[in-house]
Protein backbone atom coordinates (compact mmCIF):
# COMPACT_ATOMS: atom_id res chain seq x y z
CA UNK A 1 -27.93 -20.11 28.92
CA UNK A 2 -27.98 -16.20 29.45
CA UNK A 3 -24.18 -16.16 29.06
CA UNK A 4 -24.69 -17.49 25.28
CA UNK A 5 -27.33 -14.71 24.35
CA UNK A 6 -25.71 -12.02 25.79
CA UNK A 7 -24.55 -9.21 23.08
CA UNK A 8 -20.70 -8.72 22.58
CA UNK A 9 -19.29 -6.32 24.99
CA UNK A 10 -18.87 -2.58 23.12
CA UNK A 11 -15.22 -3.15 24.21
CA UNK A 12 -14.60 -6.05 21.51
CA UNK A 13 -16.86 -5.05 19.09
CA UNK A 14 -15.02 -1.79 18.81
CA UNK A 15 -11.50 -3.89 18.66
CA UNK A 16 -12.81 -5.70 15.88
CA UNK A 17 -13.89 -2.89 13.64
CA UNK A 18 -10.52 -1.26 14.69
CA UNK A 19 -8.70 -4.34 13.31
CA UNK A 20 -10.43 -4.62 10.24
CA UNK A 21 -10.07 -0.93 9.08
CA UNK A 22 -6.24 -1.76 9.73
CA UNK A 23 -6.39 -4.18 7.82
CA UNK A 24 -8.33 -2.06 5.26
CA UNK A 25 -5.69 0.56 5.47
CA UNK A 26 -2.60 -1.72 4.70
CA UNK A 27 -3.90 -3.42 2.06
CA UNK A 28 -4.86 0.10 0.57
CA UNK A 29 -1.52 0.99 1.18
CA UNK A 30 0.12 -1.96 -0.82
CA UNK A 31 -2.18 -1.71 -3.46
CA UNK A 32 -1.68 2.34 -4.11
CA UNK A 33 2.31 1.34 -3.26
CA UNK A 34 2.13 -1.34 -6.18
CA UNK A 35 0.41 0.54 -8.86
CA UNK A 36 2.94 3.20 -8.28
CA UNK A 37 5.81 0.45 -8.86
CA UNK A 38 4.31 -0.68 -12.00
CA UNK A 39 3.38 2.74 -13.40
CA UNK A 40 7.15 4.23 -12.77
CA UNK A 41 9.37 0.82 -13.57
CA UNK A 42 8.36 1.35 -17.57
CA UNK A 43 8.92 4.78 -17.45
CA UNK A 44 12.23 5.04 -15.49
CA UNK A 45 14.91 3.96 -18.41
CA UNK A 46 13.52 6.34 -20.82
CA UNK A 47 13.38 9.33 -17.98
CA UNK A 48 17.06 8.17 -16.77
CA UNK A 49 17.99 9.09 -20.63
CA UNK A 50 16.10 12.29 -20.94
CA UNK A 51 18.27 13.22 -17.85
CA UNK A 52 21.67 12.77 -19.12
CA UNK A 53 20.73 13.81 -22.51
CA UNK A 54 20.67 10.71 -24.21
CA UNK A 55 24.31 9.71 -23.28
CA UNK A 56 24.10 6.20 -21.48
CA UNK A 57 27.70 6.22 -20.63
CA UNK A 58 27.21 9.27 -18.43
CA UNK A 59 24.31 7.38 -16.69
CA UNK A 60 26.16 6.19 -13.65
CA UNK A 61 28.68 8.88 -13.01
């Protein structure tokens, strides 16, 4: 019965915290990437036009 009441080893608790921190980091990275795409995609056509001086036929070349 003492096996059930023993605390988790420190190694297991640390591994659990590390995997949770890794998941939070990955989630935050994906969130910021998605926000970045959401900001740049509506702006990109006007930005390209300003780079080519308003001449759309010069865009691909």
